[in-house]
Amino acid sequence: MERSIIDYCLRKKGASKDYPFGPEPLVIKVAGKMFALISDKGDSFDISLKCDPVIAENLREQYEAIRPGYHMNKNHWNTITIDGSLPMSEIFDMIDHSYDLVVKNLPRSLRESIL
């Protein structure tokens, strides 16, 4: 499951992986800006994703596995424990949303070079 999520993130246009904090966590960026942070916890793993604040709060209310971003801006980031309790389609939608938010805020010239 972790591998498929990482692969999904890396298939995004302009996505690259980085380890700016050491061997853990894996950070996935677009144009040098983070849109996913993945931490292995042994029996499960976490992914932190950027999210619109209203949507973020709604997701936290719906799913126990989604909480405010760990060591992140709690309004704009969610940390999701990937433990099988969420459908993969929902996780992929959250990855898409995070990527789109980051790309949308890039300077126009960078956005155009990626898309």
C-alpha atoms as a PDB file:
ATOM      1  CA  MET A   1       0.000   0.000   0.000  1.00  0.00           C
ATOM      2  CA  GLU A   2       2.786   2.456   0.895  1.00  0.00           C
ATOM      3  CA  ARG A   3       4.568   1.778  -2.392  1.00  0.00           C
ATOM      4  CA  SER A   4       1.407   2.436  -4.428  1.00  0.00           C
ATOM      5  CA  ILE A   5       0.854   5.759  -2.629  1.00  0.00           C
ATOM      6  CA  ILE A   6       4.455   6.839  -3.190  1.00  0.00           C
ATOM      7  CA  ASP A   7       4.238   5.800  -6.857  1.00  0.00           C
ATOM      8  CA  TYR A   8       0.974   7.723  -7.235  1.00  0.00           C
ATOM      9  CA  CYS A   9       2.587  10.877  -5.820  1.00  0.00           C
ATOM     10  CA  LEU A  10       5.636  10.533  -8.049  1.00  0.00           C
ATOM     11  CA  ARG A  11       3.500  10.158 -11.200  1.00  0.00           C
ATOM     12  CA  LYS A  12       2.338  13.762 -10.756  1.00  0.00           C
ATOM     13  CA  LYS A  13       3.885  16.143 -13.307  1.00  0.00           C
ATOM     14  CA  GLY A  14       7.101  17.636 -11.949  1.00  0.00           C
ATOM     15  CA  ALA A  15       7.037  15.556  -8.739  1.00  0.00           C
ATOM     16  CA  SER A  16      10.302  14.516  -7.130  1.00  0.00           C
ATOM     17  CA  LYS A  17      11.319  12.864  -3.898  1.00  0.00           C
ATOM     18  CA  ASP A  18      13.632  14.355  -1.327  1.00  0.00           C
ATOM     19  CA  TYR A  19      14.977  13.547   2.129  1.00  0.00           C
ATOM     20  CA  PRO A  20      15.681  17.024   3.579  1.00  0.00           C
ATOM     21  CA  PHE A  21      15.412  15.773   7.197  1.00  0.00           C
ATOM     22  CA  GLY A  22      17.601  12.655   6.887  1.00  0.00           C
ATOM     23  CA  PRO A  23      16.561   9.100   5.968  1.00  0.00           C
ATOM     24  CA  GLU A  24      13.013   9.724   7.272  1.00  0.00           C
ATOM     25  CA  PRO A  25      10.558  11.094   6.305  1.00  0.00           C
ATOM     26  CA  LEU A  26      10.202  10.988   2.534  1.00  0.00           C
ATOM     27  CA  VAL A  27       9.173  14.396   1.183  1.00  0.00           C
ATOM     28  CA  ILE A  28       7.554  14.658  -2.236  1.00  0.00           C
ATOM     29  CA  LYS A  29       7.774  18.044  -3.912  1.00  0.00           C
ATOM     30  CA  VAL A  30       6.724  19.854  -7.043  1.00  0.00           C
ATOM     31  CA  ALA A  31       8.939  22.773  -8.131  1.00  0.00           C
ATOM     32  CA  GLY A  32      10.729  22.584  -4.789  1.00  0.00           C
ATOM     33  CA  LYS A  33       7.496  22.875  -2.763  1.00  0.00           C
ATOM     34  CA  MET A  34       6.308  20.018  -0.572  1.00  0.00           C
ATOM     35  CA  PHE A  35       2.909  18.470  -1.231  1.00  0.00           C
ATOM     36  CA  ALA A  36       3.356  15.145   0.623  1.00  0.00           C
ATOM     37  CA  LEU A  37       5.405  13.973   3.585  1.00  0.00           C
ATOM     38  CA  ILE A  38       5.470  10.215   4.256  1.00  0.00           C
ATOM     39  CA  SER A  39       6.626   8.630   7.534  1.00  0.00           C
ATOM     40  CA  ASP A  40       6.951   4.876   8.047  1.00  0.00           C
ATOM     41  CA  LYS A  41       5.645   3.727  11.445  1.00  0.00           C
ATOM     42  CA  GLY A  42       6.280  -0.009  11.060  1.00  0.00           C
ATOM     43  CA  ASP A  43       2.769  -1.500  11.051  1.00  0.00           C
ATOM     44  CA  SER A  44       1.314   1.574   9.351  1.00  0.00           C
ATOM     45  CA  PHE A  45       2.537   4.828   7.901  1.00  0.00           C
ATOM     46  CA  ASP A  46       1.455   8.454   7.864  1.00  0.00           C
ATOM     47  CA  ILE A  47       1.131  10.848   4.975  1.00  0.00           C
ATOM     48  CA  SER A  48       0.789  14.575   5.549  1.00  0.00           C
ATOM     49  CA  LEU A  49      -0.973  16.482   2.803  1.00  0.00           C
ATOM     50  CA  LYS A  50      -1.846  20.109   2.215  1.00  0.00           C
ATOM     51  CA  CYS A  51      -5.582  20.778   2.335  1.00  0.00           C
ATOM     52  CA  ASP A  52      -8.044  23.651   2.126  1.00  0.00           C
ATOM     53  CA  PRO A  53      -8.881  24.516   5.771  1.00  0.00           C
ATOM     54  CA  VAL A  54     -12.644  23.953   5.399  1.00  0.00           C
ATOM     55  CA  ILE A  55     -12.155  20.600   3.672  1.00  0.00           C
ATOM     56  CA  ALA A  56      -9.454  19.641   6.201  1.00  0.00           C
ATOM     57  CA  GLU A  57     -11.833  20.134   9.125  1.00  0.00           C
ATOM     58  CA  ASN A  58     -14.586  18.208   7.354  1.00  0.00           C
ATOM     59  CA  LEU A  59     -12.262  15.255   6.669  1.00  0.00           C
ATOM     60  CA  ARG A  60     -11.112  15.205  10.311  1.00  0.00           C
ATOM     61  CA  GLU A  61     -14.741  14.982  11.426  1.00  0.00           C
ATOM     62  CA  GLN A  62     -15.474  12.131   8.993  1.00  0.00           C
ATOM     63  CA  TYR A  63     -12.431   9.927   9.557  1.00  0.00           C
ATOM     64  CA  GLU A  64     -10.637   8.934  12.739  1.00  0.00           C
ATOM     65  CA  ALA A  65      -7.438   8.310  10.747  1.00  0.00           C
ATOM     66  CA  ILE A  66      -7.231  11.994   9.696  1.00  0.00           C
ATOM     67  CA  ARG A  67      -5.952  14.562  12.151  1.00  0.00           C
ATOM     68  CA  PRO A  68      -4.330  18.014  12.054  1.00  0.00           C
ATOM     69  CA  GLY A  69      -0.916  17.991  10.410  1.00  0.00           C
ATOM     70  CA  TYR A  70       1.811  16.631  12.673  1.00  0.00           C
ATOM     71  CA  HIS A  71       4.549  19.294  12.954  1.00  0.00           C
ATOM     72  CA  MET A  72       2.755  21.230  10.209  1.00  0.00           C
ATOM     73  CA  ASN A  73       0.403  24.202   9.996  1.00  0.00           C
ATOM     74  CA  LYS A  74      -2.697  22.648  11.576  1.00  0.00           C
ATOM     75  CA  ASN A  75      -5.072  24.732   9.431  1.00  0.00           C
ATOM     76  CA  HIS A  76      -3.578  23.807   6.078  1.00  0.00           C
ATOM     77  CA  TRP A  77      -2.225  20.282   6.554  1.00  0.00           C
ATOM     78  CA  ASN A  78      -3.730  16.932   7.513  1.00  0.00           C
ATOM     79  CA  THR A  79      -1.828  13.873   8.645  1.00  0.00           C
ATOM     80  CA  ILE A  80      -3.503  10.641   7.569  1.00  0.00           C
ATOM     81  CA  THR A  81      -2.647   7.290   9.118  1.00  0.00           C
ATOM     82  CA  ILE A  82      -2.681   4.703   6.353  1.00  0.00           C
ATOM     83  CA  ASP A  83      -3.952   1.644   8.197  1.00  0.00           C
ATOM     84  CA  GLY A  84      -6.587   0.265   5.818  1.00  0.00           C
ATOM     85  CA  SER A  85      -9.466   2.259   7.305  1.00  0.00           C
ATOM     86  CA  LEU A  86      -9.681   4.679   4.348  1.00  0.00           C
ATOM     87  CA  PRO A  87     -10.462   3.734   0.753  1.00  0.00           C
ATOM     88  CA  MET A  88      -7.477   4.193  -1.565  1.00  0.00           C
ATOM     89  CA  SER A  89      -9.637   6.358  -3.834  1.00  0.00           C
ATOM     90  CA  GLU A  90     -10.124   8.825  -0.959  1.00  0.00           C
ATOM     91  CA  ILE A  91      -6.370   8.901  -0.284  1.00  0.00           C
ATOM     92  CA  PHE A  92      -5.647   9.509  -3.969  1.00  0.00           C
ATOM     93  CA  ASP A  93      -8.223  12.345  -4.003  1.00  0.00           C
ATOM     94  CA  MET A  94      -6.462  13.961  -1.025  1.00  0.00           C
ATOM     95  CA  ILE A  95      -3.083  13.636  -2.789  1.00  0.00           C
ATOM     96  CA  ASP A  96      -4.582  15.258  -5.915  1.00  0.00           C
ATOM     97  CA  HIS A  97      -5.983  18.106  -3.811  1.00  0.00           C
ATOM     98  CA  SER A  98      -2.637  18.706  -2.069  1.00  0.00           C
ATOM     99  CA  TYR A  99      -0.723  18.711  -5.348  1.00  0.00           C
ATOM    100  CA  ASP A 100      -3.261  21.048  -6.972  1.00  0.00           C
ATOM    101  CA  LEU A 101      -3.096  23.517  -4.063  1.00  0.00           C
ATOM    102  CA  VAL A 102       0.692  23.659  -4.244  1.00  0.00           C
ATOM    103  CA  VAL A 103       0.801  24.002  -8.038  1.00  0.00           C
ATOM    104  CA  LYS A 104      -1.901  26.691  -7.963  1.00  0.00           C
ATOM    105  CA  ASN A 105       0.279  28.842  -5.693  1.00  0.00           C
ATOM    106  CA  LEU A 106       3.427  28.551  -7.815  1.00  0.00           C
ATOM    107  CA  PRO A 107       4.511  31.526  -9.919  1.00  0.00           C
ATOM    108  CA  ARG A 108       2.856  31.436 -13.327  1.00  0.00           C
ATOM    109  CA  SER A 109       6.066  30.654 -15.220  1.00  0.00           C
ATOM    110  CA  LEU A 110       6.762  27.621 -12.990  1.00  0.00           C
ATOM    111  CA  ARG A 111       3.143  26.448 -13.265  1.00  0.00           C
ATOM    112  CA  GLU A 112       3.269  26.646 -17.053  1.00  0.00           C
ATOM    113  CA  SER A 113       6.572  24.775 -17.217  1.00  0.00           C
ATOM    114  CA  ILE A 114       5.084  21.905 -15.160  1.00  0.00           C
ATOM    115  CA  LEU A 115       1.674  21.675 -16.791  1.00  0.00           C
END
